[in-house]
Amino acid sequence: MRQAALDKKAEDVQTIDLIGKSILADTFVIATGRSKIQTRSITDAIALALREGNFGTARIEGYADGGWILLDAGSVIVHVFTPEERRFYNLERLWGSAPQRIAQGS
């Protein structure tokens, strides 16, 4: 999923480990697209990577608006934001105590 996002030029891709910290998911992946068009493109690439990897189809919310798109892939939840939405919601601060990893090449 991370590589699919990076292939579509996602910026500041981070992975937050939530194992033992949340019942929502084991991992959050957070990425930024420069525009709503790019957030949709990143989302499409991630959804395709999930299907091709036999992980099934993720539930997707927020695609029509494109400012904050959420892909629910079960134990992994991917958040794709425009810069403004990412600053506003600041999930990294909300989950600040959880270990974070920054993707290479971001």
N, C-alpha and C. Protein backbone atom coordinates (compact mmCIF):
# COMPACT_ATOMS: atom_id res chain seq x y z
N MET A 1 0.81 -1.19 0.00
CA MET A 1 0.00 0.00 0.00
C MET A 1 0.86 1.26 0.00
N ARG A 2 1.88 1.23 0.82
CA ARG A 2 2.78 2.40 0.88
C ARG A 2 3.42 2.65 -0.48
N GLN A 3 3.87 1.57 -1.12
CA GLN A 3 4.54 1.74 -2.41
C GLN A 3 3.57 2.24 -3.47
N ALA A 4 2.34 1.76 -3.44
CA ALA A 4 1.33 2.23 -4.39
C ALA A 4 1.11 3.73 -4.21
N ALA A 5 1.08 4.19 -2.97
CA ALA A 5 0.92 5.63 -2.71
C ALA A 5 2.13 6.41 -3.22
N LEU A 6 3.31 5.90 -2.93
CA LEU A 6 4.54 6.58 -3.38
C LEU A 6 4.63 6.61 -4.90
N ASP A 7 4.18 5.55 -5.55
CA ASP A 7 4.20 5.51 -7.01
C ASP A 7 3.34 6.60 -7.63
N LYS A 8 2.32 7.05 -6.90
CA LYS A 8 1.45 8.14 -7.36
C LYS A 8 1.88 9.48 -6.78
N LYS A 9 3.13 9.54 -6.31
CA LYS A 9 3.75 10.77 -5.81
C LYS A 9 3.11 11.30 -4.52
N ALA A 10 2.59 10.39 -3.70
CA ALA A 10 2.09 10.80 -2.39
C ALA A 10 3.25 11.38 -1.59
N GLU A 11 2.94 12.34 -0.77
CA GLU A 11 3.95 12.99 0.05
C GLU A 11 3.75 12.63 1.52
N ASP A 12 4.85 12.68 2.28
CA ASP A 12 4.83 12.49 3.73
C ASP A 12 4.04 11.25 4.12
N VAL A 13 4.36 10.12 3.51
CA VAL A 13 3.68 8.86 3.82
C VAL A 13 4.22 8.33 5.14
N GLN A 14 3.32 8.13 6.08
CA GLN A 14 3.72 7.63 7.40
C GLN A 14 2.87 6.44 7.78
N THR A 15 3.46 5.54 8.53
CA THR A 15 2.77 4.38 9.06
C THR A 15 2.80 4.47 10.57
N ILE A 16 1.63 4.33 11.19
CA ILE A 16 1.53 4.38 12.64
C ILE A 16 1.08 3.01 13.14
N ASP A 17 1.89 2.43 14.00
CA ASP A 17 1.62 1.11 14.57
C ASP A 17 0.63 1.27 15.72
N LEU A 18 -0.55 0.67 15.60
CA LEU A 18 -1.59 0.78 16.62
C LEU A 18 -1.84 -0.52 17.36
N ILE A 19 -1.00 -1.52 17.14
CA ILE A 19 -1.20 -2.81 17.80
C ILE A 19 -1.18 -2.60 19.32
N GLY A 20 -2.24 -3.05 19.97
CA GLY A 20 -2.36 -2.90 21.42
C GLY A 20 -2.78 -1.52 21.88
N LYS A 21 -2.99 -0.59 20.94
CA LYS A 21 -3.36 0.78 21.30
C LYS A 21 -4.77 1.14 20.85
N SER A 22 -5.32 0.37 19.91
CA SER A 22 -6.64 0.67 19.37
C SER A 22 -7.31 -0.60 18.88
N ILE A 23 -8.62 -0.64 19.01
CA ILE A 23 -9.37 -1.76 18.44
C ILE A 23 -9.80 -1.46 17.00
N LEU A 24 -9.54 -0.24 16.54
CA LEU A 24 -9.93 0.15 15.18
C LEU A 24 -9.13 -0.58 14.12
N ALA A 25 -7.84 -0.67 14.33
CA ALA A 25 -6.94 -1.26 13.33
C ALA A 25 -5.59 -1.53 13.98
N ASP A 26 -4.76 -2.29 13.28
CA ASP A 26 -3.39 -2.52 13.74
C ASP A 26 -2.45 -1.44 13.23
N THR A 27 -2.80 -0.86 12.07
CA THR A 27 -1.92 0.11 11.42
C THR A 27 -2.74 1.19 10.74
N PHE A 28 -2.28 2.42 10.87
CA PHE A 28 -2.76 3.53 10.05
C PHE A 28 -1.65 3.86 9.07
N VAL A 29 -2.02 4.06 7.82
CA VAL A 29 -1.10 4.64 6.83
C VAL A 29 -1.69 5.99 6.49
N ILE A 30 -0.86 7.03 6.56
CA ILE A 30 -1.31 8.40 6.29
C ILE A 30 -0.47 8.95 5.15
N ALA A 31 -1.14 9.54 4.16
CA ALA A 31 -0.44 10.08 2.99
C ALA A 31 -1.11 11.39 2.58
N THR A 32 -0.35 12.20 1.86
CA THR A 32 -0.86 13.48 1.37
C THR A 32 -0.74 13.53 -0.14
N GLY A 33 -1.82 14.01 -0.76
CA GLY A 33 -1.81 14.33 -2.19
C GLY A 33 -1.98 15.84 -2.33
N ARG A 34 -1.36 16.42 -3.32
CA ARG A 34 -1.37 17.88 -3.48
C ARG A 34 -2.73 18.44 -3.88
N SER A 35 -3.61 17.60 -4.39
CA SER A 35 -4.93 18.06 -4.83
C SER A 35 -5.94 16.94 -4.63
N LYS A 36 -7.21 17.26 -4.76
CA LYS A 36 -8.24 16.24 -4.64
C LYS A 36 -8.14 15.22 -5.77
N ILE A 37 -7.71 15.66 -6.94
CA ILE A 37 -7.50 14.73 -8.05
C ILE A 37 -6.40 13.74 -7.70
N GLN A 38 -5.31 14.23 -7.09
CA GLN A 38 -4.22 13.35 -6.72
C GLN A 38 -4.62 12.42 -5.57
N THR A 39 -5.41 12.90 -4.60
CA THR A 39 -5.83 11.99 -3.52
C THR A 39 -6.65 10.84 -4.08
N ARG A 40 -7.48 11.12 -5.07
CA ARG A 40 -8.27 10.05 -5.70
C ARG A 40 -7.36 9.08 -6.46
N SER A 41 -6.35 9.61 -7.14
CA SER A 41 -5.41 8.77 -7.88
C SER A 41 -4.63 7.86 -6.93
N ILE A 42 -4.20 8.41 -5.81
CA ILE A 42 -3.49 7.63 -4.80
C ILE A 42 -4.41 6.54 -4.27
N THR A 43 -5.65 6.90 -3.97
CA THR A 43 -6.63 5.94 -3.46
C THR A 43 -6.87 4.82 -4.46
N ASP A 44 -7.03 5.17 -5.74
CA ASP A 44 -7.25 4.16 -6.77
C ASP A 44 -6.08 3.19 -6.84
N ALA A 45 -4.86 3.71 -6.73
CA ALA A 45 -3.67 2.85 -6.81
C ALA A 45 -3.59 1.90 -5.61
N ILE A 46 -3.92 2.41 -4.44
CA ILE A 46 -3.90 1.56 -3.25
C ILE A 46 -4.98 0.49 -3.34
N ALA A 47 -6.19 0.86 -3.76
CA ALA A 47 -7.28 -0.11 -3.90
C ALA A 47 -6.90 -1.20 -4.90
N LEU A 48 -6.27 -0.82 -6.01
CA LEU A 48 -5.84 -1.79 -7.00
C LEU A 48 -4.78 -2.72 -6.42
N ALA A 49 -3.83 -2.16 -5.67
CA ALA A 49 -2.78 -2.98 -5.06
C ALA A 49 -3.38 -3.99 -4.08
N LEU A 50 -4.39 -3.58 -3.35
CA LEU A 50 -5.06 -4.51 -2.43
C LEU A 50 -5.73 -5.65 -3.19
N ARG A 51 -6.44 -5.32 -4.26
CA ARG A 51 -7.11 -6.37 -5.05
C ARG A 51 -6.09 -7.30 -5.68
N GLU A 52 -5.03 -6.74 -6.26
CA GLU A 52 -4.01 -7.56 -6.92
C GLU A 52 -3.26 -8.43 -5.92
N GLY A 53 -3.16 -7.98 -4.68
CA GLY A 53 -2.48 -8.75 -3.64
C GLY A 53 -3.41 -9.72 -2.93
N ASN A 54 -4.62 -9.88 -3.47
CA ASN A 54 -5.62 -10.78 -2.90
C ASN A 54 -6.00 -10.42 -1.46
N PHE A 55 -6.01 -9.12 -1.16
CA PHE A 55 -6.45 -8.66 0.15
C PHE A 55 -7.92 -8.27 0.13
N GLY A 56 -8.56 -8.43 -1.02
CA GLY A 56 -9.97 -8.09 -1.13
C GLY A 56 -10.16 -6.62 -1.49
N THR A 57 -11.41 -6.21 -1.37
CA THR A 57 -11.77 -4.84 -1.71
C THR A 57 -11.92 -4.03 -0.43
N ALA A 58 -11.23 -2.91 -0.37
CA ALA A 58 -11.33 -2.03 0.79
C ALA A 58 -12.60 -1.20 0.71
N ARG A 59 -13.18 -0.92 1.85
CA ARG A 59 -14.28 0.04 1.91
C ARG A 59 -13.66 1.43 1.80
N ILE A 60 -14.27 2.27 1.00
CA ILE A 60 -13.72 3.61 0.76
C ILE A 60 -14.77 4.65 1.12
N GLU A 61 -14.36 5.64 1.91
CA GLU A 61 -15.22 6.75 2.29
C GLU A 61 -14.53 8.06 1.92
N GLY A 62 -15.31 9.04 1.51
CA GLY A 62 -14.78 10.37 1.24
C GLY A 62 -14.25 10.58 -0.16
N TYR A 63 -14.42 9.58 -1.03
CA TYR A 63 -13.85 9.66 -2.38
C TYR A 63 -14.45 10.82 -3.18
N ALA A 64 -15.76 11.02 -3.08
CA ALA A 64 -16.42 12.08 -3.87
C ALA A 64 -15.87 13.45 -3.54
N ASP A 65 -15.66 13.72 -2.24
CA ASP A 65 -15.10 15.02 -1.86
C ASP A 65 -13.60 15.08 -2.14
N GLY A 66 -12.87 14.04 -1.77
CA GLY A 66 -11.44 13.96 -2.08
C GLY A 66 -10.51 14.65 -1.11
N GLY A 67 -11.04 15.38 -0.13
CA GLY A 67 -10.17 16.07 0.83
C GLY A 67 -9.57 15.13 1.85
N TRP A 68 -10.35 14.17 2.30
CA TRP A 68 -9.89 13.12 3.22
C TRP A 68 -10.56 11.84 2.77
N ILE A 69 -9.78 10.94 2.22
CA ILE A 69 -10.30 9.66 1.77
C ILE A 69 -9.78 8.59 2.72
N LEU A 70 -10.69 7.73 3.17
CA LEU A 70 -10.34 6.66 4.08
C LEU A 70 -10.57 5.33 3.39
N LEU A 71 -9.56 4.47 3.40
CA LEU A 71 -9.68 3.10 2.89
C LEU A 71 -9.58 2.16 4.07
N ASP A 72 -10.62 1.39 4.30
CA ASP A 72 -10.64 0.43 5.40
C ASP A 72 -10.33 -0.94 4.82
N ALA A 73 -9.13 -1.42 5.09
CA ALA A 73 -8.70 -2.73 4.60
C ALA A 73 -8.59 -3.72 5.75
N GLY A 74 -9.46 -3.58 6.73
CA GLY A 74 -9.45 -4.48 7.87
C GLY A 74 -8.46 -4.04 8.92
N SER A 75 -7.36 -4.74 9.04
CA SER A 75 -6.38 -4.39 10.08
C SER A 75 -5.55 -3.16 9.72
N VAL A 76 -5.67 -2.70 8.48
CA VAL A 76 -4.97 -1.49 8.03
C VAL A 76 -5.99 -0.48 7.55
N ILE A 77 -5.87 0.74 8.04
CA ILE A 77 -6.71 1.84 7.57
C ILE A 77 -5.79 2.88 6.95
N VAL A 78 -6.12 3.26 5.72
CA VAL A 78 -5.31 4.25 4.99
C VAL A 78 -6.08 5.55 4.93
N HIS A 79 -5.40 6.64 5.28
CA HIS A 79 -5.97 7.99 5.21
C HIS A 79 -5.19 8.75 4.15
N VAL A 80 -5.89 9.27 3.15
CA VAL A 80 -5.24 10.07 2.10
C VAL A 80 -5.86 11.46 2.18
N PHE A 81 -5.02 12.44 2.47
CA PHE A 81 -5.46 13.80 2.71
C PHE A 81 -4.92 14.78 1.68
N THR A 82 -5.64 15.89 1.49
CA THR A 82 -5.03 17.07 0.88
C THR A 82 -4.22 17.73 2.01
N PRO A 83 -3.26 18.61 1.69
CA PRO A 83 -2.46 19.23 2.75
C PRO A 83 -3.30 19.96 3.81
N GLU A 84 -4.33 20.68 3.38
CA GLU A 84 -5.16 21.44 4.31
C GLU A 84 -5.89 20.53 5.28
N GLU A 85 -6.47 19.45 4.75
CA GLU A 85 -7.20 18.52 5.60
C GLU A 85 -6.25 17.79 6.56
N ARG A 86 -5.07 17.45 6.09
CA ARG A 86 -4.12 16.75 6.96
C ARG A 86 -3.69 17.64 8.12
N ARG A 87 -3.43 18.91 7.83
CA ARG A 87 -3.07 19.83 8.91
C ARG A 87 -4.22 19.99 9.91
N PHE A 88 -5.45 20.07 9.39
CA PHE A 88 -6.60 20.29 10.25
C PHE A 88 -6.84 19.09 11.18
N TYR A 89 -6.85 17.88 10.65
CA TYR A 89 -7.16 16.70 11.46
C TYR A 89 -5.96 16.18 12.24
N ASN A 90 -4.76 16.37 11.73
CA ASN A 90 -3.50 16.08 12.44
C ASN A 90 -3.54 14.75 13.19
N LEU A 91 -3.77 13.67 12.46
CA LEU A 91 -3.84 12.35 13.08
C LEU A 91 -2.53 11.96 13.76
N GLU A 92 -1.42 12.46 13.26
CA GLU A 92 -0.14 12.15 13.90
C GLU A 92 -0.12 12.65 15.34
N ARG A 93 -0.69 13.81 15.61
CA ARG A 93 -0.76 14.34 16.97
C ARG A 93 -1.70 13.49 17.81
N LEU A 94 -2.84 13.13 17.22
CA LEU A 94 -3.83 12.34 17.93
C LEU A 94 -3.28 11.00 18.37
N TRP A 95 -2.46 10.39 17.51
CA TRP A 95 -1.87 9.09 17.80
C TRP A 95 -0.38 9.22 18.09
N GLY A 96 0.03 10.34 18.64
CA GLY A 96 1.44 10.68 18.84
C GLY A 96 2.25 9.70 19.65
N SER A 97 1.62 8.98 20.56
CA SER A 97 2.38 8.05 21.39
C SER A 97 2.68 6.74 20.67
N ALA A 98 2.03 6.50 19.54
CA ALA A 98 2.25 5.27 18.78
C ALA A 98 3.49 5.41 17.91
N PRO A 99 4.25 4.33 17.71
CA PRO A 99 5.44 4.40 16.86
C PRO A 99 5.08 4.77 15.42
N GLN A 100 5.86 5.69 14.84
CA GLN A 100 5.62 6.12 13.46
C GLN A 100 6.84 5.80 12.61
N ARG A 101 6.56 5.47 11.34
CA ARG A 101 7.62 5.23 10.37
C ARG A 101 7.33 6.09 9.15
N ILE A 102 8.36 6.75 8.66
CA ILE A 102 8.22 7.58 7.46
C ILE A 102 8.72 6.78 6.28
N ALA A 103 7.95 6.81 5.19
CA ALA A 103 8.32 6.05 3.99
C ALA A 103 9.55 6.65 3.35
N GLN A 104 10.41 5.82 2.83
CA GLN A 104 11.56 6.27 2.08
C GLN A 104 11.10 6.87 0.77
N GLY A 105 11.71 7.94 0.32
CA GLY A 105 11.38 8.54 -0.96
C GLY A 105 10.23 9.50 -0.87
N SER A 106 9.75 9.77 0.32
CA SER A 106 8.63 10.71 0.45
C SER A 106 9.11 12.12 0.61
